[in-house]
Amino acid sequence: MEIQIKIIGGVLILLALFHIIFPKYFNWKEELNKLSLINKQIMSVHTIFIALTVLLMGLLCVTSSRELIETNLGSTISFGFAIFWTIRLFIQFFGYSTSLWKGKTFETIIHVIFSILWLYLSTVFWLIYFN
């Protein structure tokens, strides 16, 4: 299980770094100009903090995988991570419109990949918590 946590850590670090390209990829300069200043800044600030949270989760997994598995505190943290990623899994299906990916090859592939990733993260953290 320790190797699974280290793999998850690496994936989460990459996912956090991937947020760097969001503004350009999603054309935020033009898209966010349609929003009020507060909404534009909330979008930017929340994206930074989501990326930071994911990065810190990843670093914790890479640096403290054994502690996450073998200690009571690690079990509690894994419980929190399990809840976090399980909610993210549900949001993948119920928070986004299917029109964003259905019938679009690339978007469908991304949807499936991230659905599997959220399921994997949730499952590993639930297994740690219940063991």
Protein backbone atom coordinates (compact mmCIF):
# COMPACT_ATOMS: atom_id res chain seq x y z
CA MET A 1 0.00 0.00 0.00
CA GLU A 2 2.92 2.33 0.63
CA ILE A 3 3.87 2.27 -3.05
CA GLN A 4 0.26 3.17 -3.95
CA ILE A 5 0.44 6.22 -1.69
CA LYS A 6 3.74 7.31 -3.24
CA ILE A 7 2.26 6.89 -6.74
CA ILE A 8 -0.77 8.93 -5.68
CA GLY A 9 1.57 11.57 -4.31
CA GLY A 10 3.39 11.86 -7.62
CA VAL A 11 0.13 12.02 -9.56
CA LEU A 12 -1.24 14.72 -7.25
CA ILE A 13 1.91 16.81 -7.60
CA LEU A 14 1.64 16.57 -11.39
CA LEU A 15 -2.07 17.43 -11.21
CA ALA A 16 -1.30 20.50 -9.10
CA LEU A 17 1.35 21.65 -11.56
CA PHE A 18 -1.07 21.03 -14.43
CA HIS A 19 -3.18 23.90 -13.03
CA ILE A 20 -0.50 26.29 -14.32
CA ILE A 21 -1.77 25.86 -17.89
CA PHE A 22 -5.47 26.30 -17.03
CA PRO A 23 -5.65 30.06 -17.74
CA LYS A 24 -4.16 29.69 -21.22
CA TYR A 25 -5.84 26.37 -22.11
CA PHE A 26 -9.29 27.54 -21.04
CA ASN A 27 -8.77 31.03 -22.49
CA TRP A 28 -9.43 32.70 -19.14
CA LYS A 29 -8.13 36.09 -20.26
CA GLU A 30 -11.08 36.43 -22.63
CA GLU A 31 -13.60 34.21 -20.83
CA LEU A 32 -13.17 35.76 -17.38
CA ASN A 33 -13.45 39.31 -18.76
CA LYS A 34 -17.17 38.64 -19.00
CA LEU A 35 -17.32 38.31 -15.19
CA SER A 36 -17.39 40.96 -12.53
CA LEU A 37 -14.07 41.73 -10.85
CA ILE A 38 -14.99 39.78 -7.70
CA ASN A 39 -16.04 36.68 -9.65
CA LYS A 40 -12.92 36.86 -11.82
CA GLN A 41 -10.69 37.09 -8.76
CA ILE A 42 -12.56 34.34 -6.90
CA MET A 43 -12.01 32.06 -9.89
CA SER A 44 -8.28 32.82 -9.96
CA VAL A 45 -7.73 32.66 -6.20
CA HIS A 46 -9.73 29.44 -5.78
CA THR A 47 -7.83 27.79 -8.62
CA ILE A 48 -4.54 28.69 -6.91
CA PHE A 49 -5.74 27.30 -3.59
CA ILE A 50 -7.09 24.11 -5.15
CA ALA A 51 -3.73 23.59 -6.84
CA LEU A 52 -1.94 24.32 -3.55
CA THR A 53 -4.17 21.87 -1.65
CA VAL A 54 -3.58 19.14 -4.23
CA LEU A 55 0.17 19.86 -4.20
CA LEU A 56 0.31 19.62 -0.41
CA MET A 57 -1.69 16.37 -0.46
CA GLY A 58 0.78 15.01 -2.98
CA LEU A 59 3.80 16.10 -0.95
CA LEU A 60 2.31 14.53 2.18
CA CYS A 61 1.77 11.25 0.33
CA VAL A 62 5.32 11.22 -1.07
CA THR A 63 7.06 12.21 2.17
CA SER A 64 4.86 10.48 4.76
CA SER A 65 3.31 7.45 3.08
CA ARG A 66 4.26 5.09 5.91
CA GLU A 67 2.81 7.43 8.53
CA LEU A 68 -0.44 7.71 6.57
CA ILE A 69 -0.75 3.93 6.66
CA GLU A 70 0.57 3.05 10.11
CA THR A 71 -0.54 5.81 12.50
CA ASN A 72 -3.87 6.93 13.94
CA LEU A 73 -3.26 10.44 12.66
CA GLY A 74 -2.46 9.00 9.22
CA SER A 75 -5.72 7.06 9.30
CA THR A 76 -7.61 10.23 10.19
CA ILE A 77 -5.92 12.16 7.38
CA SER A 78 -6.66 9.29 4.97
CA PHE A 79 -10.31 9.44 6.07
CA GLY A 80 -10.39 13.13 5.16
CA PHE A 81 -8.69 12.46 1.82
CA ALA A 82 -11.15 9.62 1.13
CA ILE A 83 -14.10 11.93 1.72
CA PHE A 84 -12.50 14.70 -0.38
CA TRP A 85 -11.80 12.45 -3.40
CA THR A 86 -15.12 10.58 -3.13
CA ILE A 87 -16.97 13.90 -3.29
CA ARG A 88 -14.78 14.86 -6.26
CA LEU A 89 -15.75 11.58 -7.94
CA PHE A 90 -19.46 12.36 -7.50
CA ILE A 91 -18.94 15.90 -8.80
CA GLN A 92 -17.37 14.39 -11.93
CA PHE A 93 -20.79 12.93 -12.75
CA PHE A 94 -23.25 15.31 -11.10
CA GLY A 95 -21.47 18.68 -11.06
CA TYR A 96 -20.66 18.94 -14.76
CA SER A 97 -23.08 18.78 -17.65
CA THR A 98 -22.69 15.73 -19.88
CA SER A 99 -22.82 18.15 -22.83
CA LEU A 100 -19.24 19.12 -21.96
CA TRP A 101 -17.94 15.69 -22.94
CA LYS A 102 -20.64 13.49 -24.48
CA GLY A 103 -20.08 12.93 -28.19
CA LYS A 104 -16.65 14.60 -28.07
CA THR A 105 -13.82 12.08 -28.33
CA PHE A 106 -11.05 13.98 -26.52
CA GLU A 107 -13.32 15.30 -23.78
CA THR A 108 -14.85 11.85 -23.23
CA ILE A 109 -11.39 10.31 -22.87
CA ILE A 110 -10.45 12.98 -20.32
CA HIS A 111 -13.74 12.44 -18.48
CA VAL A 112 -13.11 8.68 -18.26
CA ILE A 113 -9.45 9.10 -17.22
CA PHE A 114 -10.33 11.50 -14.42
CA SER A 115 -13.29 9.37 -13.32
CA ILE A 116 -10.93 6.41 -12.96
CA LEU A 117 -8.36 8.59 -11.16
CA TRP A 118 -10.91 9.91 -8.64
CA LEU A 119 -12.14 6.34 -8.06
CA TYR A 120 -8.58 5.11 -7.54
CA LEU A 121 -7.74 7.90 -5.07
CA SER A 122 -10.97 7.37 -3.15
CA THR A 123 -10.52 3.61 -3.00
CA VAL A 124 -6.92 3.70 -1.76
CA PHE A 125 -7.68 6.23 0.98
CA TRP A 126 -10.80 4.31 2.09
CA LEU A 127 -8.74 1.10 2.23
CA ILE A 128 -6.14 2.81 4.42
CA TYR A 129 -8.82 4.18 6.70
CA PHE A 130 -10.61 0.85 7.13
CA ASN A 131 -7.43 -1.19 7.67
